[in-house]
Amino acid sequence: MIIGCYVLHVRCAFVNHNNLVSIQEEFTGETAAQTYKSARDAGWRLDLKHSAAFCPYCLKKGKEPKQ
């Protein structure tokens, strides 16, 4: 039996973090779309064009990525 799975490792693009904040996570899914959706549902913003991710902590603090 062959089982397919996508794994997405994300690390926040902003470098200044408090030690209490998790700045990296791992998401899994059966398809790439499910994996990206899991990350977005957890509050991460993914910029696939620039291969960048922004954590929920930074987004709540108003550190919006510049477009």
C-alpha atoms as a PDB file:
ATOM      1  CA  MET A   1       0.000   0.000   0.000  1.00  0.00           C
ATOM      2  CA  ILE A   2       1.301   3.440  -0.923  1.00  0.00           C
ATOM      3  CA  ILE A   3       0.395   6.330   1.344  1.00  0.00           C
ATOM      4  CA  GLY A   4       0.980   9.919   0.285  1.00  0.00           C
ATOM      5  CA  CYS A   5       1.452  12.762   2.682  1.00  0.00           C
ATOM      6  CA  TYR A   6       2.605  16.359   2.476  1.00  0.00           C
ATOM      7  CA  VAL A   7       4.604  17.958   5.271  1.00  0.00           C
ATOM      8  CA  LEU A   8       4.986  21.718   5.560  1.00  0.00           C
ATOM      9  CA  HIS A   9       7.641  23.096   7.888  1.00  0.00           C
ATOM     10  CA  VAL A  10       7.079  26.798   8.574  1.00  0.00           C
ATOM     11  CA  ARG A  11       9.329  29.248  10.359  1.00  0.00           C
ATOM     12  CA  CYS A  12       8.406  32.885  10.903  1.00  0.00           C
ATOM     13  CA  ALA A  13      10.192  35.322   8.583  1.00  0.00           C
ATOM     14  CA  PHE A  14      10.499  37.929  11.344  1.00  0.00           C
ATOM     15  CA  VAL A  15      13.677  37.463  13.358  1.00  0.00           C
ATOM     16  CA  ASN A  16      12.855  39.271  16.625  1.00  0.00           C
ATOM     17  CA  HIS A  17      10.853  36.905  18.812  1.00  0.00           C
ATOM     18  CA  ASN A  18      10.273  36.465  22.463  1.00  0.00           C
ATOM     19  CA  ASN A  19      11.588  33.110  23.770  1.00  0.00           C
ATOM     20  CA  LEU A  20       8.065  32.231  24.907  1.00  0.00           C
ATOM     21  CA  VAL A  21       6.741  32.209  21.349  1.00  0.00           C
ATOM     22  CA  SER A  22       6.892  29.227  19.035  1.00  0.00           C
ATOM     23  CA  ILE A  23       8.191  30.569  15.743  1.00  0.00           C
ATOM     24  CA  GLN A  24       8.178  27.281  13.856  1.00  0.00           C
ATOM     25  CA  GLU A  25       5.632  24.544  13.338  1.00  0.00           C
ATOM     26  CA  GLU A  26       4.956  21.520  11.165  1.00  0.00           C
ATOM     27  CA  PHE A  27       1.709  20.752   9.335  1.00  0.00           C
ATOM     28  CA  THR A  28       0.672  17.615   7.459  1.00  0.00           C
ATOM     29  CA  GLY A  29      -2.073  16.730   5.013  1.00  0.00           C
ATOM     30  CA  GLU A  30      -3.030  14.379   2.209  1.00  0.00           C
ATOM     31  CA  THR A  31      -2.662  17.151  -0.382  1.00  0.00           C
ATOM     32  CA  ALA A  32      -0.623  20.343  -0.584  1.00  0.00           C
ATOM     33  CA  ALA A  33      -3.831  22.386  -0.401  1.00  0.00           C
ATOM     34  CA  GLN A  34      -4.916  20.661   2.836  1.00  0.00           C
ATOM     35  CA  THR A  35      -1.491  21.287   4.330  1.00  0.00           C
ATOM     36  CA  TYR A  36      -1.554  25.010   3.467  1.00  0.00           C
ATOM     37  CA  LYS A  37      -5.114  25.260   4.803  1.00  0.00           C
ATOM     38  CA  SER A  38      -4.046  23.690   8.117  1.00  0.00           C
ATOM     39  CA  ALA A  39      -1.307  26.291   8.496  1.00  0.00           C
ATOM     40  CA  ARG A  40      -3.666  29.143   7.650  1.00  0.00           C
ATOM     41  CA  ASP A  41      -6.305  27.796  10.045  1.00  0.00           C
ATOM     42  CA  ALA A  42      -3.661  27.841  12.803  1.00  0.00           C
ATOM     43  CA  GLY A  43      -3.146  31.563  12.122  1.00  0.00           C
ATOM     44  CA  TRP A  44      -0.074  31.502   9.891  1.00  0.00           C
ATOM     45  CA  ARG A  45       0.124  33.720   6.815  1.00  0.00           C
ATOM     46  CA  LEU A  46       1.890  32.008   3.931  1.00  0.00           C
ATOM     47  CA  ASP A  47       3.528  33.930   1.100  1.00  0.00           C
ATOM     48  CA  LEU A  48       4.196  31.121  -1.345  1.00  0.00           C
ATOM     49  CA  LYS A  49       5.501  33.478  -4.037  1.00  0.00           C
ATOM     50  CA  HIS A  50       8.375  34.594  -1.785  1.00  0.00           C
ATOM     51  CA  SER A  51       8.684  31.362   0.247  1.00  0.00           C
ATOM     52  CA  ALA A  52       7.926  33.165   3.498  1.00  0.00           C
ATOM     53  CA  ALA A  53       5.673  32.480   6.473  1.00  0.00           C
ATOM     54  CA  PHE A  54       4.509  34.805   9.246  1.00  0.00           C
ATOM     55  CA  CYS A  55       3.468  33.461  12.650  1.00  0.00           C
ATOM     56  CA  PRO A  56       0.192  34.291  14.420  1.00  0.00           C
ATOM     57  CA  TYR A  57       2.073  36.092  17.217  1.00  0.00           C
ATOM     58  CA  CYS A  58       3.693  38.595  14.846  1.00  0.00           C
ATOM     59  CA  LEU A  59       0.477  39.125  12.907  1.00  0.00           C
ATOM     60  CA  LYS A  60      -1.405  39.886  16.149  1.00  0.00           C
ATOM     61  CA  LYS A  61       1.321  42.354  17.173  1.00  0.00           C
ATOM     62  CA  GLY A  62       0.768  44.296  13.955  1.00  0.00           C
ATOM     63  CA  LYS A  63       3.917  43.218  12.150  1.00  0.00           C
ATOM     64  CA  GLU A  64       2.165  42.892   8.819  1.00  0.00           C
ATOM     65  CA  PRO A  65       4.356  41.748   5.941  1.00  0.00           C
ATOM     66  CA  LYS A  66       5.001  44.414   3.335  1.00  0.00           C
ATOM     67  CA  GLN A  67       3.549  43.543  -0.037  1.00  0.00           C
END
